[in-house]
């Protein structure tokens, strides 16, 4: 573990009737993001009880790597596409301490 590593927990909730459409768009992020320099872990989870709830667990080599991801063409396309599908979202940037 490098002291520069950054963990991200991103929580995304689909509006009613948009669960599958949002899932499709989220899955499109996986392959290109995992190829990005500095992407150490990038996993997507869907809640077993609430299918509208998705959680990303990410680890980045640095905040610069995360910033590059946020400016990547595939991430910017995702942001432009899913706005009307989202009920809520929140992102937590974490530093591992143990």
PDB file of N, CA and C in Angstrom:
ATOM      1  N   UNK A   1       0.846  -1.190   0.000  1.00  0.00           N
ATOM      2  CA  UNK A   1       0.000   0.000   0.000  1.00  0.00           C
ATOM      3  C   UNK A   1       0.879   1.236   0.000  1.00  0.00           C
ATOM      4  N   UNK A   2       0.680   2.098  -0.959  1.00  0.00           N
ATOM      5  CA  UNK A   2       1.395   3.359  -1.048  1.00  0.00           C
ATOM      6  C   UNK A   2       0.633   4.423  -0.271  1.00  0.00           C
ATOM      7  N   UNK A   3       1.331   5.344   0.384  1.00  0.00           N
ATOM      8  CA  UNK A   3       0.628   6.394   1.122  1.00  0.00           C
ATOM      9  C   UNK A   3      -0.168   7.329   0.204  1.00  0.00           C
ATOM     10  N   UNK A   4       0.107   7.283  -1.090  1.00  0.00           N
ATOM     11  CA  UNK A   4      -0.623   8.126  -2.040  1.00  0.00           C
ATOM     12  C   UNK A   4      -1.910   7.479  -2.531  1.00  0.00           C
ATOM     13  N   UNK A   5      -2.090   6.172  -2.267  1.00  0.00           N
ATOM     14  CA  UNK A   5      -3.281   5.477  -2.746  1.00  0.00           C
ATOM     15  C   UNK A   5      -4.549   6.121  -2.206  1.00  0.00           C
ATOM     16  N   UNK A   6      -5.569   6.101  -3.028  1.00  0.00           N
ATOM     17  CA  UNK A   6      -6.849   6.695  -2.684  1.00  0.00           C
ATOM     18  C   UNK A   6      -7.944   5.674  -2.945  1.00  0.00           C
ATOM     19  N   UNK A   7      -8.817   5.485  -1.975  1.00  0.00           N
ATOM     20  CA  UNK A   7      -9.960   4.588  -2.131  1.00  0.00           C
ATOM     21  C   UNK A   7     -11.205   5.433  -2.374  1.00  0.00           C
ATOM     22  N   UNK A   8     -12.033   4.961  -3.265  1.00  0.00           N
ATOM     23  CA  UNK A   8     -13.286   5.642  -3.574  1.00  0.00           C
ATOM     24  C   UNK A   8     -14.429   4.664  -3.367  1.00  0.00           C
ATOM     25  N   UNK A   9     -15.442   5.114  -2.653  1.00  0.00           N
ATOM     26  CA  UNK A   9     -16.708   4.395  -2.552  1.00  0.00           C
ATOM     27  C   UNK A   9     -17.744   5.312  -3.193  1.00  0.00           C
ATOM     28  N   UNK A  10     -18.281   4.883  -4.318  1.00  0.00           N
ATOM     29  CA  UNK A  10     -19.276   5.682  -5.026  1.00  0.00           C
ATOM     30  C   UNK A  10     -20.605   4.945  -4.987  1.00  0.00           C
ATOM     31  N   UNK A  11     -21.610   5.625  -4.499  1.00  0.00           N
ATOM     32  CA  UNK A  11     -22.954   5.063  -4.364  1.00  0.00           C
ATOM     33  C   UNK A  11     -23.861   5.759  -5.369  1.00  0.00           C
ATOM     34  N   UNK A  12     -24.537   4.961  -6.190  1.00  0.00           N
ATOM     35  CA  UNK A  12     -25.410   5.482  -7.238  1.00  0.00           C
ATOM     36  C   UNK A  12     -26.760   4.787  -7.122  1.00  0.00           C
ATOM     37  N   UNK A  13     -27.833   5.572  -7.147  1.00  0.00           N
ATOM     38  CA  UNK A  13     -29.177   5.013  -7.046  1.00  0.00           C
ATOM     39  C   UNK A  13     -29.972   5.430  -8.279  1.00  0.00           C
ATOM     40  N   UNK A  14     -30.544   4.438  -8.951  1.00  0.00           N
ATOM     41  CA  UNK A  14     -31.345   4.685 -10.151  1.00  0.00           C
ATOM     42  C   UNK A  14     -32.748   5.143  -9.776  1.00  0.00           C
ATOM     43  N   UNK A  15     -33.303   5.988 -10.628  1.00  0.00           N
ATOM     44  CA  UNK A  15     -34.719   6.323 -10.503  1.00  0.00           C
ATOM     45  C   UNK A  15     -35.541   5.076 -10.821  1.00  0.00           C
ATOM     46  N   UNK A  16     -36.784   5.069 -10.351  1.00  0.00           N
ATOM     47  CA  UNK A  16     -37.688   3.951 -10.618  1.00  0.00           C
ATOM     48  C   UNK A  16     -37.780   3.703 -12.125  1.00  0.00           C
ATOM     49  N   UNK A  17     -37.694   2.455 -12.502  1.00  0.00           N
ATOM     50  CA  UNK A  17     -37.763   1.981 -13.885  1.00  0.00           C
ATOM     51  C   UNK A  17     -36.492   2.245 -14.707  1.00  0.00           C
ATOM     52  N   UNK A  18     -35.436   2.752 -14.069  1.00  0.00           N
ATOM     53  CA  UNK A  18     -34.170   2.985 -14.767  1.00  0.00           C
ATOM     54  C   UNK A  18     -33.063   2.061 -14.279  1.00  0.00           C
ATOM     55  N   UNK A  19     -33.398   1.081 -13.448  1.00  0.00           N
ATOM     56  CA  UNK A  19     -32.382   0.208 -12.862  1.00  0.00           C
ATOM     57  C   UNK A  19     -31.553  -0.506 -13.934  1.00  0.00           C
ATOM     58  N   UNK A  20     -32.207  -1.099 -14.906  1.00  0.00           N
ATOM     59  CA  UNK A  20     -31.488  -1.863 -15.921  1.00  0.00           C
ATOM     60  C   UNK A  20     -30.704  -0.947 -16.850  1.00  0.00           C
ATOM     61  N   UNK A  21     -31.281   0.159 -17.235  1.00  0.00           N
ATOM     62  CA  UNK A  21     -30.575   1.103 -18.120  1.00  0.00           C
ATOM     63  C   UNK A  21     -29.326   1.646 -17.439  1.00  0.00           C
ATOM     64  N   UNK A  22     -29.427   1.971 -16.159  1.00  0.00           N
ATOM     65  CA  UNK A  22     -28.263   2.459 -15.426  1.00  0.00           C
ATOM     66  C   UNK A  22     -27.224   1.355 -15.289  1.00  0.00           C
ATOM     67  N   UNK A  23     -27.672   0.147 -15.009  1.00  0.00           N
ATOM     68  CA  UNK A  23     -26.743  -0.992 -14.893  1.00  0.00           C
ATOM     69  C   UNK A  23     -25.925  -1.157 -16.169  1.00  0.00           C
ATOM     70  N   UNK A  24     -26.576  -1.071 -17.307  1.00  0.00           N
ATOM     71  CA  UNK A  24     -25.897  -1.195 -18.595  1.00  0.00           C
ATOM     72  C   UNK A  24     -24.827  -0.116 -18.743  1.00  0.00           C
ATOM     73  N   UNK A  25     -25.166   1.109 -18.394  1.00  0.00           N
ATOM     74  CA  UNK A  25     -24.203   2.213 -18.520  1.00  0.00           C
ATOM     75  C   UNK A  25     -23.044   2.059 -17.535  1.00  0.00           C
ATOM     76  N   UNK A  26     -23.329   1.613 -16.336  1.00  0.00           N
ATOM     77  CA  UNK A  26     -22.264   1.401 -15.347  1.00  0.00           C
ATOM     78  C   UNK A  26     -21.302   0.314 -15.811  1.00  0.00           C
ATOM     79  N   UNK A  27     -21.844  -0.745 -16.364  1.00  0.00           N
ATOM     80  CA  UNK A  27     -20.990  -1.843 -16.843  1.00  0.00           C
ATOM     81  C   UNK A  27     -20.066  -1.407 -17.981  1.00  0.00           C
ATOM     82  N   UNK A  28     -20.495  -0.429 -18.761  1.00  0.00           N
ATOM     83  CA  UNK A  28     -19.658   0.079 -19.846  1.00  0.00           C
ATOM     84  C   UNK A  28     -18.378   0.738 -19.320  1.00  0.00           C
ATOM     85  N   UNK A  29     -18.374   1.174 -18.082  1.00  0.00           N
ATOM     86  CA  UNK A  29     -17.203   1.828 -17.490  1.00  0.00           C
ATOM     87  C   UNK A  29     -16.096   0.843 -17.115  1.00  0.00           C
ATOM     88  N   UNK A  30     -16.451  -0.399 -16.866  1.00  0.00           N
ATOM     89  CA  UNK A  30     -15.515  -1.343 -16.255  1.00  0.00           C
ATOM     90  C   UNK A  30     -14.262  -1.578 -17.092  1.00  0.00           C
ATOM     91  N   UNK A  31     -14.402  -2.088 -18.291  1.00  0.00           N
ATOM     92  CA  UNK A  31     -13.227  -2.473 -19.093  1.00  0.00           C
ATOM     93  C   UNK A  31     -12.276  -1.311 -19.367  1.00  0.00           C
ATOM     94  N   UNK A  32     -12.750  -0.164 -19.859  1.00  0.00           N
ATOM     95  CA  UNK A  32     -11.788   0.906 -20.141  1.00  0.00           C
ATOM     96  C   UNK A  32     -11.155   1.494 -18.879  1.00  0.00           C
ATOM     97  N   UNK A  33     -11.907   1.523 -17.791  1.00  0.00           N
ATOM     98  CA  UNK A  33     -11.357   2.068 -16.559  1.00  0.00           C
ATOM     99  C   UNK A  33     -10.263   1.173 -16.001  1.00  0.00           C
ATOM    100  N   UNK A  34     -10.468  -0.130 -16.038  1.00  0.00           N
ATOM    101  CA  UNK A  34      -9.450  -1.050 -15.528  1.00  0.00           C
ATOM    102  C   UNK A  34      -8.144  -0.977 -16.313  1.00  0.00           C
ATOM    103  N   UNK A  35      -8.186  -0.450 -17.525  1.00  0.00           N
ATOM    104  CA  UNK A  35      -6.979  -0.291 -18.343  1.00  0.00           C
ATOM    105  C   UNK A  35      -6.242   1.020 -18.062  1.00  0.00           C
ATOM    106  N   UNK A  36      -6.874   1.917 -17.310  1.00  0.00           N
ATOM    107  CA  UNK A  36      -6.267   3.215 -17.045  1.00  0.00           C
ATOM    108  C   UNK A  36      -5.043   3.084 -16.142  1.00  0.00           C
ATOM    109  N   UNK A  37      -4.046   3.913 -16.434  1.00  0.00           N
ATOM    110  CA  UNK A  37      -2.861   3.956 -15.581  1.00  0.00           C
ATOM    111  C   UNK A  37      -3.285   4.431 -14.189  1.00  0.00           C
ATOM    112  N   UNK A  38      -2.850   3.714 -13.177  1.00  0.00           N
ATOM    113  CA  UNK A  38      -3.159   4.094 -11.802  1.00  0.00           C
ATOM    114  C   UNK A  38      -4.410   3.464 -11.234  1.00  0.00           C
ATOM    115  N   UNK A  39      -5.171   2.730 -12.051  1.00  0.00           N
ATOM    116  CA  UNK A  39      -6.353   2.033 -11.547  1.00  0.00           C
ATOM    117  C   UNK A  39      -5.897   0.706 -10.954  1.00  0.00           C
ATOM    118  N   UNK A  40      -6.032   0.560  -9.652  1.00  0.00           N
ATOM    119  CA  UNK A  40      -5.599  -0.658  -8.965  1.00  0.00           C
ATOM    120  C   UNK A  40      -6.757  -1.618  -8.722  1.00  0.00           C
ATOM    121  N   UNK A  41      -7.914  -1.067  -8.372  1.00  0.00           N
ATOM    122  CA  UNK A  41      -9.125  -1.864  -8.128  1.00  0.00           C
ATOM    123  C   UNK A  41     -10.300  -1.047  -8.641  1.00  0.00           C
ATOM    124  N   UNK A  42     -11.199  -1.696  -9.368  1.00  0.00           N
ATOM    125  CA  UNK A  42     -12.397  -1.020  -9.865  1.00  0.00           C
ATOM    126  C   UNK A  42     -13.488  -2.068  -9.976  1.00  0.00           C
ATOM    127  N   UNK A  43     -14.325  -2.156  -8.952  1.00  0.00           N
ATOM    128  CA  UNK A  43     -15.372  -3.173  -8.931  1.00  0.00           C
ATOM    129  C   UNK A  43     -16.741  -2.523  -8.731  1.00  0.00           C
ATOM    130  N   UNK A  44     -17.723  -3.103  -9.368  1.00  0.00           N
ATOM    131  CA  UNK A  44     -19.098  -2.628  -9.298  1.00  0.00           C
ATOM    132  C   UNK A  44     -19.949  -3.678  -8.599  1.00  0.00           C
ATOM    133  N   UNK A  45     -20.816  -3.219  -7.716  1.00  0.00           N
ATOM    134  CA  UNK A  45     -21.705  -4.106  -6.956  1.00  0.00           C
ATOM    135  C   UNK A  45     -23.136  -3.592  -7.077  1.00  0.00           C
ATOM    136  N   UNK A  46     -24.082  -4.530  -7.070  1.00  0.00           N
ATOM    137  CA  UNK A  46     -25.506  -4.193  -7.051  1.00  0.00           C
ATOM    138  C   UNK A  46     -26.111  -4.795  -5.795  1.00  0.00           C
ATOM    139  N   UNK A  47     -26.900  -4.010  -5.102  1.00  0.00           N
ATOM    140  CA  UNK A  47     -27.502  -4.447  -3.851  1.00  0.00           C
ATOM    141  C   UNK A  47     -28.434  -5.640  -4.075  1.00  0.00           C
ATOM    142  N   UNK A  48     -28.384  -6.607  -3.185  1.00  0.00           N
ATOM    143  CA  UNK A  48     -29.213  -7.811  -3.305  1.00  0.00           C
ATOM    144  C   UNK A  48     -30.675  -7.576  -2.979  1.00  0.00           C
ATOM    145  N   UNK A  49     -30.972  -6.549  -2.218  1.00  0.00           N
ATOM    146  CA  UNK A  49     -32.358  -6.259  -1.849  1.00  0.00           C
ATOM    147  C   UNK A  49     -32.941  -5.135  -2.688  1.00  0.00           C
ATOM    148  N   UNK A  50     -32.160  -4.109  -2.926  1.00  0.00           N
ATOM    149  CA  UNK A  50     -32.609  -2.948  -3.699  1.00  0.00           C
ATOM    150  C   UNK A  50     -31.847  -2.900  -5.026  1.00  0.00           C
ATOM    151  N   UNK A  51     -32.434  -3.371  -6.123  1.00  0.00           N
ATOM    152  CA  UNK A  51     -31.722  -3.423  -7.396  1.00  0.00           C
ATOM    153  C   UNK A  51     -31.416  -2.047  -7.989  1.00  0.00           C
ATOM    154  N   UNK A  52     -31.935  -0.996  -7.401  1.00  0.00           N
ATOM    155  CA  UNK A  52     -31.656   0.358  -7.878  1.00  0.00           C
ATOM    156  C   UNK A  52     -30.340   0.897  -7.321  1.00  0.00           C
ATOM    157  N   UNK A  53     -29.779   0.208  -6.325  1.00  0.00           N
ATOM    158  CA  UNK A  53     -28.577   0.678  -5.630  1.00  0.00           C
ATOM    159  C   UNK A  53     -27.327  -0.011  -6.168  1.00  0.00           C
ATOM    160  N   UNK A  54     -26.373   0.801  -6.603  1.00  0.00           N
ATOM    161  CA  UNK A  54     -25.088   0.322  -7.118  1.00  0.00           C
ATOM    162  C   UNK A  54     -23.961   0.970  -6.317  1.00  0.00           C
ATOM    163  N   UNK A  55     -22.921   0.190  -6.060  1.00  0.00           N
ATOM    164  CA  UNK A  55     -21.763   0.682  -5.322  1.00  0.00           C
ATOM    165  C   UNK A  55     -20.499   0.358  -6.109  1.00  0.00           C
ATOM    166  N   UNK A  56     -19.683   1.369  -6.342  1.00  0.00           N
ATOM    167  CA  UNK A  56     -18.342   1.157  -6.882  1.00  0.00           C
ATOM    168  C   UNK A  56     -17.364   1.156  -5.729  1.00  0.00           C
ATOM    169  N   UNK A  57     -16.438   0.195  -5.746  1.00  0.00           N
ATOM    170  CA  UNK A  57     -15.304   0.174  -4.831  1.00  0.00           C
ATOM    171  C   UNK A  57     -14.072   0.324  -5.708  1.00  0.00           C
ATOM    172  N   UNK A  58     -13.303   1.375  -5.467  1.00  0.00           N
ATOM    173  CA  UNK A  58     -12.170   1.688  -6.333  1.00  0.00           C
ATOM    174  C   UNK A  58     -10.932   1.966  -5.495  1.00  0.00           C
ATOM    175  N   UNK A  59      -9.788   1.614  -6.029  1.00  0.00           N
ATOM    176  CA  UNK A  59      -8.520   2.031  -5.449  1.00  0.00           C
ATOM    177  C   UNK A  59      -7.672   2.588  -6.581  1.00  0.00           C
ATOM    178  N   UNK A  60      -7.137   3.785  -6.350  1.00  0.00           N
ATOM    179  CA  UNK A  60      -6.326   4.497  -7.325  1.00  0.00           C
ATOM    180  C   UNK A  60      -4.939   4.714  -6.752  1.00  0.00           C
ATOM    181  N   UNK A  61      -3.931   4.670  -7.604  1.00  0.00           N
ATOM    182  CA  UNK A  61      -2.545   4.835  -7.171  1.00  0.00           C
ATOM    183  C   UNK A  61      -2.288   6.231  -6.618  1.00  0.00           C
ATOM    184  N   UNK A  62      -3.088   7.212  -7.059  1.00  0.00           N
ATOM    185  CA  UNK A  62      -2.897   8.587  -6.597  1.00  0.00           C
ATOM    186  C   UNK A  62      -4.141   9.408  -6.924  1.00  0.00           C
ATOM    187  N   UNK A  63      -4.220  10.578  -6.345  1.00  0.00           N
ATOM    188  CA  UNK A  63      -5.328  11.471  -6.679  1.00  0.00           C
ATOM    189  C   UNK A  63      -5.222  11.937  -8.124  1.00  0.00           C
ATOM    190  N   UNK A  64      -4.012  12.030  -8.665  1.00  0.00           N
ATOM    191  CA  UNK A  64      -3.832  12.398 -10.076  1.00  0.00           C
ATOM    192  C   UNK A  64      -4.421  11.330 -10.994  1.00  0.00           C
ATOM    193  N   UNK A  65      -4.251  10.060 -10.640  1.00  0.00           N
ATOM    194  CA  UNK A  65      -4.823   8.975 -11.439  1.00  0.00           C
ATOM    195  C   UNK A  65      -6.350   9.042 -11.409  1.00  0.00           C
ATOM    196  N   UNK A  66      -6.911   9.328 -10.256  1.00  0.00           N
ATOM    197  CA  UNK A  66      -8.367   9.462 -10.152  1.00  0.00           C
ATOM    198  C   UNK A  66      -8.841  10.652 -10.978  1.00  0.00           C
ATOM    199  N   UNK A  67      -8.127  11.745 -10.912  1.00  0.00           N
ATOM    200  CA  UNK A  67      -8.502  12.934 -11.689  1.00  0.00           C
ATOM    201  C   UNK A  67      -8.457  12.635 -13.185  1.00  0.00           C
ATOM    202  N   UNK A  68      -7.448  11.906 -13.625  1.00  0.00           N
ATOM    203  CA  UNK A  68      -7.365  11.514 -15.038  1.00  0.00           C
ATOM    204  C   UNK A  68      -8.576  10.665 -15.421  1.00  0.00           C
ATOM    205  N   UNK A  69      -8.982   9.764 -14.538  1.00  0.00           N
ATOM    206  CA  UNK A  69     -10.178   8.944 -14.784  1.00  0.00           C
ATOM    207  C   UNK A  69     -11.405   9.827 -14.943  1.00  0.00           C
ATOM    208  N   UNK A  70     -11.562  10.775 -14.065  1.00  0.00           N
ATOM    209  CA  UNK A  70     -12.731  11.664 -14.112  1.00  0.00           C
ATOM    210  C   UNK A  70     -12.785  12.508 -15.382  1.00  0.00           C
ATOM    211  N   UNK A  71     -11.658  12.654 -16.046  1.00  0.00           N
ATOM    212  CA  UNK A  71     -11.594  13.411 -17.295  1.00  0.00           C
ATOM    213  C   UNK A  71     -11.465  12.522 -18.530  1.00  0.00           C
ATOM    214  N   UNK A  72     -11.565  11.211 -18.332  1.00  0.00           N
ATOM    215  CA  UNK A  72     -11.438  10.280 -19.456  1.00  0.00           C
ATOM    216  C   UNK A  72     -12.688  10.350 -20.336  1.00  0.00           C
ATOM    217  N   UNK A  73     -12.534  10.074 -21.630  1.00  0.00           N
ATOM    218  CA  UNK A  73     -13.700  10.120 -22.534  1.00  0.00           C
ATOM    219  C   UNK A  73     -14.841   9.197 -22.097  1.00  0.00           C
ATOM    220  N   UNK A  74     -14.514   7.981 -21.636  1.00  0.00           N
ATOM    221  CA  UNK A  74     -15.588   7.054 -21.261  1.00  0.00           C
ATOM    222  C   UNK A  74     -16.321   7.519 -19.999  1.00  0.00           C
ATOM    223  N   UNK A  75     -15.612   8.127 -19.055  1.00  0.00           N
ATOM    224  CA  UNK A  75     -16.295   8.622 -17.856  1.00  0.00           C
ATOM    225  C   UNK A  75     -17.142   9.846 -18.182  1.00  0.00           C
ATOM    226  N   UNK A  76     -16.626  10.753 -18.999  1.00  0.00           N
ATOM    227  CA  UNK A  76     -17.398  11.943 -19.376  1.00  0.00           C
ATOM    228  C   UNK A  76     -18.641  11.559 -20.173  1.00  0.00           C
ATOM    229  N   UNK A  77     -18.536  10.516 -21.024  1.00  0.00           N
ATOM    230  CA  UNK A  77     -19.705  10.030 -21.754  1.00  0.00           C
ATOM    231  C   UNK A  77     -20.747   9.484 -20.779  1.00  0.00           C
ATOM    232  N   UNK A  78     -20.276   8.724 -19.792  1.00  0.00           N
ATOM    233  CA  UNK A  78     -21.169   8.175 -18.761  1.00  0.00           C
ATOM    234  C   UNK A  78     -21.921   9.301 -18.052  1.00  0.00           C
ATOM    235  N   UNK A  79     -21.187  10.318 -17.612  1.00  0.00           N
ATOM    236  CA  UNK A  79     -21.807  11.436 -16.891  1.00  0.00           C
ATOM    237  C   UNK A  79     -22.875  12.108 -17.759  1.00  0.00           C
ATOM    238  N   UNK A  80     -22.570  12.324 -19.018  1.00  0.00           N
ATOM    239  CA  UNK A  80     -23.520  12.971 -19.923  1.00  0.00           C
ATOM    240  C   UNK A  80     -24.747  12.103 -20.195  1.00  0.00           C
ATOM    241  N   UNK A  81     -24.591  10.795 -20.106  1.00  0.00           N
ATOM    242  CA  UNK A  81     -25.667   9.865 -20.446  1.00  0.00           C
ATOM    243  C   UNK A  81     -26.629   9.598 -19.297  1.00  0.00           C
ATOM    244  N   UNK A  82     -26.140   9.500 -18.065  1.00  0.00           N
ATOM    245  CA  UNK A  82     -26.962   8.968 -16.976  1.00  0.00           C
ATOM    246  C   UNK A  82     -27.678  10.004 -16.105  1.00  0.00           C
ATOM    247  N   UNK A  83     -27.460  11.276 -16.351  1.00  0.00           N
ATOM    248  CA  UNK A  83     -28.045  12.301 -15.481  1.00  0.00           C
ATOM    249  C   UNK A  83     -29.519  12.125 -15.206  1.00  0.00           C
ATOM    250  N   UNK A  84     -30.294  11.823 -16.222  1.00  0.00           N
ATOM    251  CA  UNK A  84     -31.747  11.693 -16.043  1.00  0.00           C
ATOM    252  C   UNK A  84     -32.148  10.362 -15.407  1.00  0.00           C
ATOM    253  N   UNK A  85     -31.197   9.433 -15.281  1.00  0.00           N
ATOM    254  CA  UNK A  85     -31.481   8.122 -14.692  1.00  0.00           C
ATOM    255  C   UNK A  85     -31.260   8.082 -13.186  1.00  0.00           C
ATOM    256  N   UNK A  86     -30.558   9.078 -12.658  1.00  0.00           N
ATOM    257  CA  UNK A  86     -30.121   9.019 -11.267  1.00  0.00           C
ATOM    258  C   UNK A  86     -31.111   9.638 -10.298  1.00  0.00           C
ATOM    259  N   UNK A  87     -31.406   8.902  -9.263  1.00  0.00           N
ATOM    260  CA  UNK A  87     -32.204   9.414  -8.155  1.00  0.00           C
ATOM    261  C   UNK A  87     -31.283  10.128  -7.176  1.00  0.00           C
ATOM    262  N   UNK A  88     -30.124   9.508  -6.914  1.00  0.00           N
ATOM    263  CA  UNK A  88     -29.134  10.115  -6.025  1.00  0.00           C
ATOM    264  C   UNK A  88     -27.775   9.484  -6.264  1.00  0.00           C
ATOM    265  N   UNK A  89     -26.749  10.191  -5.827  1.00  0.00           N
ATOM    266  CA  UNK A  89     -25.385   9.674  -5.903  1.00  0.00           C
ATOM    267  C   UNK A  89     -24.557  10.352  -4.824  1.00  0.00           C
ATOM    268  N   UNK A  90     -23.583   9.644  -4.326  1.00  0.00           N
ATOM    269  CA  UNK A  90     -22.608  10.250  -3.430  1.00  0.00           C
ATOM    270  C   UNK A  90     -21.296   9.505  -3.575  1.00  0.00           C
ATOM    271  N   UNK A  91     -20.234  10.248  -3.419  1.00  0.00           N
ATOM    272  CA  UNK A  91     -18.897   9.711  -3.613  1.00  0.00           C
ATOM    273  C   UNK A  91     -18.073  10.033  -2.378  1.00  0.00           C
ATOM    274  N   UNK A  92     -17.394   9.019  -1.858  1.00  0.00           N
ATOM    275  CA  UNK A  92     -16.535   9.190  -0.690  1.00  0.00           C
ATOM    276  C   UNK A  92     -15.093   8.899  -1.078  1.00  0.00           C
ATOM    277  N   UNK A  93     -14.207   9.848  -0.826  1.00  0.00           N
ATOM    278  CA  UNK A  93     -12.780   9.687  -1.067  1.00  0.00           C
ATOM    279  C   UNK A  93     -12.131   9.356   0.262  1.00  0.00           C
ATOM    280  N   UNK A  94     -11.452   8.212   0.316  1.00  0.00           N
ATOM    281  CA  UNK A  94     -10.926   7.712   1.576  1.00  0.00           C
ATOM    282  C   UNK A  94      -9.438   7.434   1.488  1.00  0.00           C
ATOM    283  N   UNK A  95      -8.772   7.619   2.608  1.00  0.00           N
ATOM    284  CA  UNK A  95      -7.383   7.227   2.751  1.00  0.00           C
ATOM    285  C   UNK A  95      -7.316   6.083   3.737  1.00  0.00           C
ATOM    286  N   UNK A  96      -6.710   5.000   3.323  1.00  0.00           N
ATOM    287  CA  UNK A  96      -6.587   3.829   4.191  1.00  0.00           C
ATOM    288  C   UNK A  96      -5.621   4.148   5.343  1.00  0.00           C
ATOM    289  N   UNK A  97      -6.048   3.864   6.549  1.00  0.00           N
ATOM    290  CA  UNK A  97      -5.204   4.166   7.705  1.00  0.00           C
ATOM    291  C   UNK A  97      -4.734   2.919   8.438  1.00  0.00           C
ATOM    292  N   UNK A  98      -5.250   1.767   8.069  1.00  0.00           N
ATOM    293  CA  UNK A  98      -4.794   0.518   8.710  1.00  0.00           C
ATOM    294  C   UNK A  98      -5.073  -0.647   7.802  1.00  0.00           C
TER     295      UNK A  98
END
